[in-house]
Amino acid sequence: MAFTVLIPARLASSRLPNKPLADLCGAPMVVRVAQRVLSLPGTLPRVVVAGDDPSIVAACQAHGIDAVLTRVDHPSGSDRLAEACTLLNLPDDAVVVNVQGDEPLIDPALVSAVANLLIKTPQAKMSTAAHAIDSVADFHNPNVVKVVLDAQNTALYFSRAPIAFPRDTPMALPQPAPLRHIGIYGYRVGFLKQFPKLAQSPLELTESLEQLRALWHGYRIAVHITDHAPGAGVDTPEDLERVRQLLMQRKDLSA
């Protein structure tokens, strides 16, 4: 079914200046992300970059990627996406997927799965993804966000703490395996426009996890469980060089 992929891109980055425009084998990184999504077999989604600088829009258009210019002063990515939905005149019942502009290794099948899960789950306003944790160190790592689900595979809670905590075997992984949250989100457009206007929740501020705002206000988030961990994003010059080397080993840079 039809959906739109929105890729927010900010020019400012403390660890990697001008990150969306960083060269990846002859094309800007944000262009490589869009090309990666567009490599999905079958019917392709609409892919639009939501940039905060004319140079991002120009770079995308030079490579045949659709882009819109959004305000530079948005406090969060969801605010930028909401403005993009308005600029694109997307109807409130449309589904969009937020793919970060620094994930050129993202699995396009994961993008499709997150979109289709939301389309098939009318009680949910958002969708996301998770995969099983197989390392005790990851389970206890606060930088690895965990999620627990209900019987319908909608989220009960997201946390940086080890959940569900195995009381009787605290240094072991619980069974079934705990789930690591993957930071990709599907939204219904009407909810996405409303989301930035919702009051921040105490849980969100405590955990520094924006998705807890939706749960705190009573909205449901459907979760797709994948067998594969996502490709790493690009946050530093070292990450950028590693991804360059990976792409250079591929004959088809979109694959």
C-alpha atoms as a PDB file:
ATOM      1  CA  MET A   1       0.000   0.000   0.000  1.00  0.00           C
ATOM      2  CA  ALA A   2       1.110   3.583  -0.663  1.00  0.00           C
ATOM      3  CA  PHE A   3       3.097   5.542   1.906  1.00  0.00           C
ATOM      4  CA  THR A   4       5.597   8.398   1.980  1.00  0.00           C
ATOM      5  CA  VAL A   5       9.114   8.307   3.384  1.00  0.00           C
ATOM      6  CA  LEU A   6      10.319  11.568   4.925  1.00  0.00           C
ATOM      7  CA  ILE A   7      14.022  12.066   5.593  1.00  0.00           C
ATOM      8  CA  PRO A   8      14.742  15.026   7.915  1.00  0.00           C
ATOM      9  CA  ALA A   9      18.145  16.623   7.364  1.00  0.00           C
ATOM     10  CA  ARG A  10      19.817  19.336   9.452  1.00  0.00           C
ATOM     11  CA  LEU A  11      22.979  21.012   8.231  1.00  0.00           C
ATOM     12  CA  ALA A  12      24.272  21.680  11.751  1.00  0.00           C
ATOM     13  CA  SER A  13      26.025  18.808  13.499  1.00  0.00           C
ATOM     14  CA  SER A  14      28.463  19.111  16.391  1.00  0.00           C
ATOM     15  CA  ARG A  15      30.400  15.921  15.635  1.00  0.00           C
ATOM     16  CA  LEU A  16      30.249  15.948  11.831  1.00  0.00           C
ATOM     17  CA  PRO A  17      29.742  19.412  10.250  1.00  0.00           C
ATOM     18  CA  ASN A  18      27.470  19.527   7.174  1.00  0.00           C
ATOM     19  CA  LYS A  19      26.667  15.859   7.740  1.00  0.00           C
ATOM     20  CA  PRO A  20      23.797  15.529   5.198  1.00  0.00           C
ATOM     21  CA  LEU A  21      26.145  16.720   2.430  1.00  0.00           C
ATOM     22  CA  ALA A  22      29.102  14.517   3.388  1.00  0.00           C
ATOM     23  CA  ASP A  23      30.369  12.693   0.306  1.00  0.00           C
ATOM     24  CA  LEU A  24      29.630   8.976   0.081  1.00  0.00           C
ATOM     25  CA  CYS A  25      31.208   7.645  -3.085  1.00  0.00           C
ATOM     26  CA  GLY A  26      30.158  10.548  -5.280  1.00  0.00           C
ATOM     27  CA  ALA A  27      26.837  11.554  -3.725  1.00  0.00           C
ATOM     28  CA  PRO A  28      25.796  13.354  -0.516  1.00  0.00           C
ATOM     29  CA  MET A  29      24.917  11.089   2.395  1.00  0.00           C
ATOM     30  CA  VAL A  30      21.276  12.168   2.500  1.00  0.00           C
ATOM     31  CA  VAL A  31      20.993  11.286  -1.199  1.00  0.00           C
ATOM     32  CA  ARG A  32      22.453   7.832  -0.487  1.00  0.00           C
ATOM     33  CA  VAL A  33      19.813   7.330   2.224  1.00  0.00           C
ATOM     34  CA  ALA A  34      17.036   8.200  -0.238  1.00  0.00           C
ATOM     35  CA  GLN A  35      18.532   5.943  -2.906  1.00  0.00           C
ATOM     36  CA  ARG A  36      18.738   3.120  -0.400  1.00  0.00           C
ATOM     37  CA  VAL A  37      15.023   3.408   0.386  1.00  0.00           C
ATOM     38  CA  LEU A  38      14.207   3.605  -3.314  1.00  0.00           C
ATOM     39  CA  SER A  39      16.041   0.321  -3.935  1.00  0.00           C
ATOM     40  CA  LEU A  40      13.085  -1.552  -2.416  1.00  0.00           C
ATOM     41  CA  PRO A  41      11.726  -4.068  -4.967  1.00  0.00           C
ATOM     42  CA  GLY A  42       8.191  -3.617  -6.239  1.00  0.00           C
ATOM     43  CA  THR A  43       6.081  -0.510  -5.847  1.00  0.00           C
ATOM     44  CA  LEU A  44       8.297   2.279  -4.561  1.00  0.00           C
ATOM     45  CA  PRO A  45       7.198   4.746  -1.874  1.00  0.00           C
ATOM     46  CA  ARG A  46       7.401   8.454  -2.382  1.00  0.00           C
ATOM     47  CA  VAL A  47      10.664   9.640  -0.807  1.00  0.00           C
ATOM     48  CA  VAL A  48      11.128  13.295   0.202  1.00  0.00           C
ATOM     49  CA  VAL A  49      14.019  14.919   2.034  1.00  0.00           C
ATOM     50  CA  ALA A  50      12.967  17.641   4.498  1.00  0.00           C
ATOM     51  CA  GLY A  51      16.032  19.895   4.697  1.00  0.00           C
ATOM     52  CA  ASP A  52      16.691  22.983   6.768  1.00  0.00           C
ATOM     53  CA  ASP A  53      19.036  24.657   4.269  1.00  0.00           C
ATOM     54  CA  PRO A  54      18.759  25.439   0.541  1.00  0.00           C
ATOM     55  CA  SER A  55      22.052  23.610  -0.080  1.00  0.00           C
ATOM     56  CA  ILE A  56      20.450  20.334   1.044  1.00  0.00           C
ATOM     57  CA  VAL A  57      17.465  20.825  -1.248  1.00  0.00           C
ATOM     58  CA  ALA A  58      19.717  21.735  -4.181  1.00  0.00           C
ATOM     59  CA  ALA A  59      21.970  18.704  -3.630  1.00  0.00           C
ATOM     60  CA  CYS A  60      18.981  16.371  -3.546  1.00  0.00           C
ATOM     61  CA  GLN A  61      17.393  17.849  -6.654  1.00  0.00           C
ATOM     62  CA  ALA A  62      20.728  17.577  -8.515  1.00  0.00           C
ATOM     63  CA  HIS A  63      20.540  13.811  -7.954  1.00  0.00           C
ATOM     64  CA  GLY A  64      16.848  13.479  -8.820  1.00  0.00           C
ATOM     65  CA  ILE A  65      15.652  13.240  -5.200  1.00  0.00           C
ATOM     66  CA  ASP A  66      12.531  15.154  -4.157  1.00  0.00           C
ATOM     67  CA  ALA A  67      13.130  17.662  -1.347  1.00  0.00           C
ATOM     68  CA  VAL A  68      11.362  20.469   0.500  1.00  0.00           C
ATOM     69  CA  LEU A  69      12.851  23.363   2.458  1.00  0.00           C
ATOM     70  CA  THR A  70      11.679  23.539   6.084  1.00  0.00           C
ATOM     71  CA  ARG A  71      12.334  26.069   8.810  1.00  0.00           C
ATOM     72  CA  VAL A  72      15.733  26.111  10.462  1.00  0.00           C
ATOM     73  CA  ASP A  73      14.415  26.617  14.008  1.00  0.00           C
ATOM     74  CA  HIS A  74      12.514  23.372  14.607  1.00  0.00           C
ATOM     75  CA  PRO A  75      13.241  21.971  18.089  1.00  0.00           C
ATOM     76  CA  SER A  76      12.911  18.343  16.978  1.00  0.00           C
ATOM     77  CA  GLY A  77      12.757  16.092  13.962  1.00  0.00           C
ATOM     78  CA  SER A  78       9.050  15.458  14.451  1.00  0.00           C
ATOM     79  CA  ASP A  79       8.362  19.211  14.154  1.00  0.00           C
ATOM     80  CA  ARG A  80      10.277  19.244  10.861  1.00  0.00           C
ATOM     81  CA  LEU A  81       8.319  16.256   9.590  1.00  0.00           C
ATOM     82  CA  ALA A  82       5.020  17.868  10.541  1.00  0.00           C
ATOM     83  CA  GLU A  83       5.906  20.961   8.519  1.00  0.00           C
ATOM     84  CA  ALA A  84       6.928  18.757   5.577  1.00  0.00           C
ATOM     85  CA  CYS A  85       3.530  17.040   5.661  1.00  0.00           C
ATOM     86  CA  THR A  86       1.855  20.445   5.426  1.00  0.00           C
ATOM     87  CA  LEU A  87       4.133  21.565   2.573  1.00  0.00           C
ATOM     88  CA  LEU A  88       3.357  18.335   0.693  1.00  0.00           C
ATOM     89  CA  ASN A  89      -0.405  18.615   1.345  1.00  0.00           C
ATOM     90  CA  LEU A  90      -0.522  15.057   2.694  1.00  0.00           C
ATOM     91  CA  PRO A  91      -3.978  14.032   3.968  1.00  0.00           C
ATOM     92  CA  ASP A  92      -4.430  13.272   7.657  1.00  0.00           C
ATOM     93  CA  ASP A  93      -5.076   9.569   7.014  1.00  0.00           C
ATOM     94  CA  ALA A  94      -1.861   9.109   4.991  1.00  0.00           C
ATOM     95  CA  VAL A  95       1.057   7.129   6.434  1.00  0.00           C
ATOM     96  CA  VAL A  96       4.602   8.480   6.516  1.00  0.00           C
ATOM     97  CA  VAL A  97       7.815   6.831   7.701  1.00  0.00           C
ATOM     98  CA  ASN A  98      10.606   8.843   9.291  1.00  0.00           C
ATOM     99  CA  VAL A  99      14.006   7.603   8.089  1.00  0.00           C
ATOM    100  CA  GLN A 100      16.974   9.445   9.550  1.00  0.00           C
ATOM    101  CA  GLY A 101      19.253  11.194   7.078  1.00  0.00           C
ATOM    102  CA  ASP A 102      22.390   9.602   8.554  1.00  0.00           C
ATOM    103  CA  GLU A 103      21.450   5.951   7.965  1.00  0.00           C
ATOM    104  CA  PRO A 104      22.706   5.064   4.470  1.00  0.00           C
ATOM    105  CA  LEU A 105      22.795   1.353   5.395  1.00  0.00           C
ATOM    106  CA  ILE A 106      19.139   1.107   6.410  1.00  0.00           C
ATOM    107  CA  ASP A 107      17.283  -1.964   5.166  1.00  0.00           C
ATOM    108  CA  PRO A 108      14.574  -0.763   2.752  1.00  0.00           C
ATOM    109  CA  ALA A 109      12.479  -3.824   3.635  1.00  0.00           C
ATOM    110  CA  LEU A 110      12.376  -2.580   7.247  1.00  0.00           C
ATOM    111  CA  VAL A 111      11.006   0.758   6.057  1.00  0.00           C
ATOM    112  CA  SER A 112       8.244  -1.012   4.160  1.00  0.00           C
ATOM    113  CA  ALA A 113       7.454  -3.301   7.112  1.00  0.00           C
ATOM    114  CA  VAL A 114       7.050  -0.366   9.516  1.00  0.00           C
ATOM    115  CA  ALA A 115       4.730   1.415   7.080  1.00  0.00           C
ATOM    116  CA  ASN A 116       2.606  -1.634   6.326  1.00  0.00           C
ATOM    117  CA  LEU A 117       2.283  -2.527  10.016  1.00  0.00           C
ATOM    118  CA  LEU A 118       0.753   0.876  10.735  1.00  0.00           C
ATOM    119  CA  ILE A 119      -1.541   0.593   7.733  1.00  0.00           C
ATOM    120  CA  LYS A 120      -2.789  -2.771   9.081  1.00  0.00           C
ATOM    121  CA  THR A 121      -3.099  -1.607  12.719  1.00  0.00           C
ATOM    122  CA  PRO A 122      -5.903   0.969  12.796  1.00  0.00           C
ATOM    123  CA  GLN A 123      -5.804   1.317  16.603  1.00  0.00           C
ATOM    124  CA  ALA A 124      -2.230   2.620  16.479  1.00  0.00           C
ATOM    125  CA  LYS A 125      -1.110   6.162  15.651  1.00  0.00           C
ATOM    126  CA  MET A 126       2.561   5.242  15.287  1.00  0.00           C
ATOM    127  CA  SER A 127       4.689   2.251  14.393  1.00  0.00           C
ATOM    128  CA  THR A 128       8.325   1.364  14.967  1.00  0.00           C
ATOM    129  CA  ALA A 129      10.626  -1.672  15.045  1.00  0.00           C
ATOM    130  CA  ALA A 130      12.673  -3.827  17.400  1.00  0.00           C
ATOM    131  CA  HIS A 131      14.896  -6.889  17.367  1.00  0.00           C
ATOM    132  CA  ALA A 132      15.982  -9.444  19.967  1.00  0.00           C
ATOM    133  CA  ILE A 133      18.928  -8.621  22.237  1.00  0.00           C
ATOM    134  CA  ASP A 134      21.481 -11.436  22.484  1.00  0.00           C
ATOM    135  CA  SER A 135      24.062  -9.750  24.715  1.00  0.00           C
ATOM    136  CA  VAL A 136      23.902  -9.171  28.458  1.00  0.00           C
ATOM    137  CA  ALA A 137      26.098  -6.095  27.983  1.00  0.00           C
ATOM    138  CA  ASP A 138      23.614  -4.595  25.513  1.00  0.00           C
ATOM    139  CA  PHE A 139      20.733  -5.437  27.844  1.00  0.00           C
ATOM    140  CA  HIS A 140      22.341  -3.369  30.627  1.00  0.00           C
ATOM    141  CA  ASN A 141      23.651  -0.593  28.351  1.00  0.00           C
ATOM    142  CA  PRO A 142      21.608   2.628  28.831  1.00  0.00           C
ATOM    143  CA  ASN A 143      22.425   3.657  25.257  1.00  0.00           C
ATOM    144  CA  VAL A 144      20.527   0.591  24.030  1.00  0.00           C
ATOM    145  CA  VAL A 145      16.837   1.457  24.283  1.00  0.00           C
ATOM    146  CA  LYS A 146      14.584  -1.450  25.214  1.00  0.00           C
ATOM    147  CA  VAL A 147      10.862  -1.922  24.544  1.00  0.00           C
ATOM    148  CA  VAL A 148       8.282  -4.269  26.074  1.00  0.00           C
ATOM    149  CA  LEU A 149       5.099  -5.220  24.234  1.00  0.00           C
ATOM    150  CA  ASP A 150       1.548  -6.318  24.945  1.00  0.00           C
ATOM    151  CA  ALA A 151      -0.237  -9.301  23.393  1.00  0.00           C
ATOM    152  CA  GLN A 152      -1.005  -7.274  20.229  1.00  0.00           C
ATOM    153  CA  ASN A 153       2.664  -6.268  19.743  1.00  0.00           C
ATOM    154  CA  THR A 154       1.990  -2.677  20.669  1.00  0.00           C
ATOM    155  CA  ALA A 155       4.415  -0.945  23.022  1.00  0.00           C
ATOM    156  CA  LEU A 156       3.823  -0.930  26.766  1.00  0.00           C
ATOM    157  CA  TYR A 157       6.991   1.032  27.566  1.00  0.00           C
ATOM    158  CA  PHE A 158      10.384   2.088  26.232  1.00  0.00           C
ATOM    159  CA  SER A 159      13.349   2.422  28.581  1.00  0.00           C
ATOM    160  CA  ARG A 160      17.102   2.760  28.822  1.00  0.00           C
ATOM    161  CA  ALA A 161      16.903   0.409  31.802  1.00  0.00           C
ATOM    162  CA  PRO A 162      16.995  -3.400  31.377  1.00  0.00           C
ATOM    163  CA  ILE A 163      13.341  -4.404  30.903  1.00  0.00           C
ATOM    164  CA  ALA A 164      11.739  -6.813  31.514  1.00  0.00           C
ATOM    165  CA  PHE A 165      14.122  -7.299  34.444  1.00  0.00           C
ATOM    166  CA  PRO A 166      14.813 -10.957  35.352  1.00  0.00           C
ATOM    167  CA  ARG A 167      14.461 -10.790  39.132  1.00  0.00           C
ATOM    168  CA  ASP A 168      15.715 -14.304  39.871  1.00  0.00           C
ATOM    169  CA  THR A 169      18.647 -14.205  37.404  1.00  0.00           C
ATOM    170  CA  PRO A 170      19.643 -10.522  37.296  1.00  0.00           C
ATOM    171  CA  MET A 171      22.879 -11.093  35.354  1.00  0.00           C
ATOM    172  CA  ALA A 172      21.271 -13.213  32.638  1.00  0.00           C
ATOM    173  CA  LEU A 173      19.082 -12.386  29.676  1.00  0.00           C
ATOM    174  CA  PRO A 174      15.380 -12.941  30.348  1.00  0.00           C
ATOM    175  CA  GLN A 175      13.386 -15.356  28.235  1.00  0.00           C
ATOM    176  CA  PRO A 176      11.872 -14.684  25.843  1.00  0.00           C
ATOM    177  CA  ALA A 177      14.705 -12.418  24.716  1.00  0.00           C
ATOM    178  CA  PRO A 178      14.367  -8.705  25.491  1.00  0.00           C
ATOM    179  CA  LEU A 179      13.854  -6.349  22.559  1.00  0.00           C
ATOM    180  CA  ARG A 180      16.089  -3.536  21.382  1.00  0.00           C
ATOM    181  CA  HIS A 181      14.221  -0.591  19.929  1.00  0.00           C
ATOM    182  CA  ILE A 182      15.189   0.535  16.415  1.00  0.00           C
ATOM    183  CA  GLY A 183      14.776   4.271  15.840  1.00  0.00           C
ATOM    184  CA  ILE A 184      12.522   4.254  12.802  1.00  0.00           C
ATOM    185  CA  TYR A 185       8.935   5.537  13.051  1.00  0.00           C
ATOM    186  CA  GLY A 186       5.754   5.398  11.039  1.00  0.00           C
ATOM    187  CA  TYR A 187       3.060   8.018  11.674  1.00  0.00           C
ATOM    188  CA  ARG A 188      -0.440   8.799  10.596  1.00  0.00           C
ATOM    189  CA  VAL A 189      -0.140  12.323   9.238  1.00  0.00           C
ATOM    190  CA  GLY A 190      -2.941  13.756  11.360  1.00  0.00           C
ATOM    191  CA  PHE A 191      -1.250  12.489  14.515  1.00  0.00           C
ATOM    192  CA  LEU A 192       2.198  13.656  13.370  1.00  0.00           C
ATOM    193  CA  LYS A 193       0.856  17.199  13.002  1.00  0.00           C
ATOM    194  CA  GLN A 194      -0.623  16.964  16.504  1.00  0.00           C
ATOM    195  CA  PHE A 195       2.360  15.307  18.195  1.00  0.00           C
ATOM    196  CA  PRO A 196       4.658  18.374  18.542  1.00  0.00           C
ATOM    197  CA  LYS A 197       1.791  20.225  20.237  1.00  0.00           C
ATOM    198  CA  LEU A 198       1.370  17.577  22.959  1.00  0.00           C
ATOM    199  CA  ALA A 199       2.829  18.434  26.348  1.00  0.00           C
ATOM    200  CA  GLN A 200       6.086  16.664  27.095  1.00  0.00           C
ATOM    201  CA  SER A 201       5.636  13.891  29.626  1.00  0.00           C
ATOM    202  CA  PRO A 202       7.654  13.399  32.833  1.00  0.00           C
ATOM    203  CA  LEU A 203       8.690   9.958  31.558  1.00  0.00           C
ATOM    204  CA  GLU A 204       9.960  11.441  28.291  1.00  0.00           C
ATOM    205  CA  LEU A 205      12.051  14.011  30.150  1.00  0.00           C
ATOM    206  CA  THR A 206      13.430  11.418  32.573  1.00  0.00           C
ATOM    207  CA  GLU A 207      14.445   8.875  29.922  1.00  0.00           C
ATOM    208  CA  SER A 208      15.135  11.369  27.095  1.00  0.00           C
ATOM    209  CA  LEU A 209      12.917   9.277  24.805  1.00  0.00           C
ATOM    210  CA  GLU A 210      10.432  11.291  22.734  1.00  0.00           C
ATOM    211  CA  GLN A 211       8.220   8.270  21.927  1.00  0.00           C
ATOM    212  CA  LEU A 212       7.198   8.084  25.595  1.00  0.00           C
ATOM    213  CA  ARG A 213       5.180  11.264  25.013  1.00  0.00           C
ATOM    214  CA  ALA A 214       2.802   9.344  22.746  1.00  0.00           C
ATOM    215  CA  LEU A 215       2.343   6.513  25.282  1.00  0.00           C
ATOM    216  CA  TRP A 216       1.886   8.931  28.178  1.00  0.00           C
ATOM    217  CA  HIS A 217      -0.953  10.658  26.312  1.00  0.00           C
ATOM    218  CA  GLY A 218      -2.631   7.305  25.606  1.00  0.00           C
ATOM    219  CA  TYR A 219      -1.672   6.713  21.971  1.00  0.00           C
ATOM    220  CA  ARG A 220      -0.617   3.263  20.815  1.00  0.00           C
ATOM    221  CA  ILE A 221       2.594   2.379  18.989  1.00  0.00           C
ATOM    222  CA  ALA A 222       2.676  -0.825  16.919  1.00  0.00           C
ATOM    223  CA  VAL A 223       6.044  -2.607  16.875  1.00  0.00           C
ATOM    224  CA  HIS A 224       7.448  -4.685  14.022  1.00  0.00           C
ATOM    225  CA  ILE A 225       9.898  -7.359  15.208  1.00  0.00           C
ATOM    226  CA  THR A 226      12.730  -7.987  12.779  1.00  0.00           C
ATOM    227  CA  ASP A 227      15.341 -10.730  12.793  1.00  0.00           C
ATOM    228  CA  HIS A 228      18.117  -8.363  11.795  1.00  0.00           C
ATOM    229  CA  ALA A 229      19.887  -5.537  13.586  1.00  0.00           C
ATOM    230  CA  PRO A 230      19.935  -2.337  11.501  1.00  0.00           C
ATOM    231  CA  GLY A 231      23.052  -0.985   9.834  1.00  0.00           C
ATOM    232  CA  ALA A 232      24.882   1.551  11.951  1.00  0.00           C
ATOM    233  CA  GLY A 233      24.256   5.255  11.414  1.00  0.00           C
ATOM    234  CA  VAL A 234      26.858   7.951  10.775  1.00  0.00           C
ATOM    235  CA  ASP A 235      27.635  10.241  13.718  1.00  0.00           C
ATOM    236  CA  THR A 236      31.396  10.815  13.469  1.00  0.00           C
ATOM    237  CA  PRO A 237      34.105  11.154  10.800  1.00  0.00           C
ATOM    238  CA  GLU A 238      35.173   7.610  11.677  1.00  0.00           C
ATOM    239  CA  ASP A 239      31.639   6.320  11.010  1.00  0.00           C
ATOM    240  CA  LEU A 240      31.642   8.137   7.686  1.00  0.00           C
ATOM    241  CA  GLU A 241      34.879   6.520   6.562  1.00  0.00           C
ATOM    242  CA  ARG A 242      33.658   3.070   7.610  1.00  0.00           C
ATOM    243  CA  VAL A 243      30.473   3.449   5.566  1.00  0.00           C
ATOM    244  CA  ARG A 244      32.490   4.741   2.600  1.00  0.00           C
ATOM    245  CA  GLN A 245      34.552   1.572   2.659  1.00  0.00           C
ATOM    246  CA  LEU A 246      31.447  -0.596   2.825  1.00  0.00           C
ATOM    247  CA  LEU A 247      29.833   1.183  -0.112  1.00  0.00           C
ATOM    248  CA  MET A 248      33.009   0.978  -2.176  1.00  0.00           C
ATOM    249  CA  GLN A 249      32.865  -2.798  -1.831  1.00  0.00           C
ATOM    250  CA  ARG A 250      29.422  -2.851  -3.468  1.00  0.00           C
ATOM    251  CA  LYS A 251      28.955  -2.608  -7.198  1.00  0.00           C
ATOM    252  CA  ASP A 252      25.410  -1.292  -6.724  1.00  0.00           C
ATOM    253  CA  LEU A 253      25.598   1.562  -4.231  1.00  0.00           C
ATOM    254  CA  SER A 254      21.849   1.462  -3.596  1.00  0.00           C
ATOM    255  CA  ALA A 255      21.926  -2.218  -2.592  1.00  0.00           C
END
